[in-house]
Amino acid sequence: MDPSLLEFAWSELLEKNKTVTIIFGSVEPLESYSAHLLLSKDEVYFTVLETKGSRCVYGPRSSEQ
């Protein structure tokens, strides 16, 4: 649960214009929950674009934001 990874993920996704449901494709419960905690508490790099059942789709905020 390293918050510095958010900046790295944000820059990668912003550059590639991508959205994510689980960061880096991990489907293990601990990694998924850790990613959820980081993204749900983040107010700098990511925003929720939509909710699909129990999963949220996150997208990178623009550089201006």
C-alpha atoms as a PDB file:
ATOM      1  CA  MET A   1       0.000   0.000   0.000  1.00  0.00           C
ATOM      2  CA  ASP A   2       2.590   2.504  -1.145  1.00  0.00           C
ATOM      3  CA  PRO A   3       0.899   5.823  -2.034  1.00  0.00           C
ATOM      4  CA  SER A   4       3.846   6.747  -4.275  1.00  0.00           C
ATOM      5  CA  LEU A   5       2.624   4.019  -6.641  1.00  0.00           C
ATOM      6  CA  LEU A   6      -0.478   6.127  -7.313  1.00  0.00           C
ATOM      7  CA  GLU A   7       1.590   8.781  -9.056  1.00  0.00           C
ATOM      8  CA  PHE A   8       3.317   6.159 -11.197  1.00  0.00           C
ATOM      9  CA  ALA A   9       0.018   4.473 -12.120  1.00  0.00           C
ATOM     10  CA  TRP A  10      -1.596   7.858 -12.786  1.00  0.00           C
ATOM     11  CA  SER A  11       1.126   8.933 -15.217  1.00  0.00           C
ATOM     12  CA  GLU A  12       1.040   5.587 -17.047  1.00  0.00           C
ATOM     13  CA  LEU A  13      -2.747   5.562 -17.401  1.00  0.00           C
ATOM     14  CA  LEU A  14      -2.985   9.238 -18.313  1.00  0.00           C
ATOM     15  CA  GLU A  15      -0.367   8.780 -21.023  1.00  0.00           C
ATOM     16  CA  LYS A  16      -2.204   5.751 -22.452  1.00  0.00           C
ATOM     17  CA  ASN A  17      -5.699   7.252 -21.915  1.00  0.00           C
ATOM     18  CA  LYS A  18      -6.870   4.158 -20.006  1.00  0.00           C
ATOM     19  CA  THR A  19      -9.213   3.372 -17.130  1.00  0.00           C
ATOM     20  CA  VAL A  20      -8.883   0.560 -14.587  1.00  0.00           C
ATOM     21  CA  THR A  21     -10.994  -1.589 -12.343  1.00  0.00           C
ATOM     22  CA  ILE A  22      -8.030  -3.317 -10.687  1.00  0.00           C
ATOM     23  CA  ILE A  23      -4.560  -1.798 -10.865  1.00  0.00           C
ATOM     24  CA  PHE A  24      -1.942  -3.828 -12.715  1.00  0.00           C
ATOM     25  CA  GLY A  25      -4.345  -6.703 -13.359  1.00  0.00           C
ATOM     26  CA  SER A  26      -4.095  -8.268  -9.935  1.00  0.00           C
ATOM     27  CA  VAL A  27      -7.062 -10.395  -8.956  1.00  0.00           C
ATOM     28  CA  GLU A  28      -5.770 -11.584  -5.585  1.00  0.00           C
ATOM     29  CA  PRO A  29      -8.045 -10.431  -2.730  1.00  0.00           C
ATOM     30  CA  LEU A  30      -5.329  -8.656  -0.732  1.00  0.00           C
ATOM     31  CA  GLU A  31      -3.962  -6.774  -3.745  1.00  0.00           C
ATOM     32  CA  SER A  32      -7.455  -5.896  -4.962  1.00  0.00           C
ATOM     33  CA  TYR A  33      -8.477  -4.590  -1.561  1.00  0.00           C
ATOM     34  CA  SER A  34      -5.235  -2.627  -1.200  1.00  0.00           C
ATOM     35  CA  ALA A  35      -5.759  -1.041  -4.617  1.00  0.00           C
ATOM     36  CA  HIS A  36      -9.364  -0.239  -3.692  1.00  0.00           C
ATOM     37  CA  LEU A  37      -8.261   1.446  -0.450  1.00  0.00           C
ATOM     38  CA  LEU A  38      -5.626   3.539  -2.191  1.00  0.00           C
ATOM     39  CA  LEU A  39      -7.948   4.619  -4.999  1.00  0.00           C
ATOM     40  CA  SER A  40     -11.026   5.248  -2.847  1.00  0.00           C
ATOM     41  CA  LYS A  41      -9.072   7.555  -0.515  1.00  0.00           C
ATOM     42  CA  ASP A  42      -7.161   9.321  -3.281  1.00  0.00           C
ATOM     43  CA  GLU A  43      -8.214  12.877  -4.084  1.00  0.00           C
ATOM     44  CA  VAL A  44      -5.248  13.797  -6.268  1.00  0.00           C
ATOM     45  CA  TYR A  45      -4.635  11.285  -9.056  1.00  0.00           C
ATOM     46  CA  PHE A  46      -7.806   9.263  -9.702  1.00  0.00           C
ATOM     47  CA  THR A  47     -11.566   9.663  -9.828  1.00  0.00           C
ATOM     48  CA  VAL A  48     -14.455   7.190 -10.021  1.00  0.00           C
ATOM     49  CA  LEU A  49     -15.902   7.173 -13.524  1.00  0.00           C
ATOM     50  CA  GLU A  50     -18.660   4.640 -12.897  1.00  0.00           C
ATOM     51  CA  THR A  51     -19.705   1.864 -10.582  1.00  0.00           C
ATOM     52  CA  LYS A  52     -20.338  -1.660 -11.856  1.00  0.00           C
ATOM     53  CA  GLY A  53     -21.919  -3.715  -9.111  1.00  0.00           C
ATOM     54  CA  SER A  54     -19.375  -3.910  -6.329  1.00  0.00           C
ATOM     55  CA  ARG A  55     -16.535  -2.609  -8.522  1.00  0.00           C
ATOM     56  CA  CYS A  56     -15.653   0.941  -9.359  1.00  0.00           C
ATOM     57  CA  VAL A  57     -14.081   2.006 -12.621  1.00  0.00           C
ATOM     58  CA  TYR A  58     -11.339   4.539 -11.948  1.00  0.00           C
ATOM     59  CA  GLY A  59      -9.799   6.951 -14.385  1.00  0.00           C
ATOM     60  CA  PRO A  60      -6.848   9.284 -14.062  1.00  0.00           C
ATOM     61  CA  ARG A  61      -7.623  12.926 -13.393  1.00  0.00           C
ATOM     62  CA  SER A  62      -6.314  15.352 -15.980  1.00  0.00           C
ATOM     63  CA  SER A  63      -3.009  17.106 -15.385  1.00  0.00           C
ATOM     64  CA  GLU A  64      -4.904  20.364 -14.855  1.00  0.00           C
ATOM     65  CA  GLN A  65      -6.961  18.868 -12.044  1.00  0.00           C
END
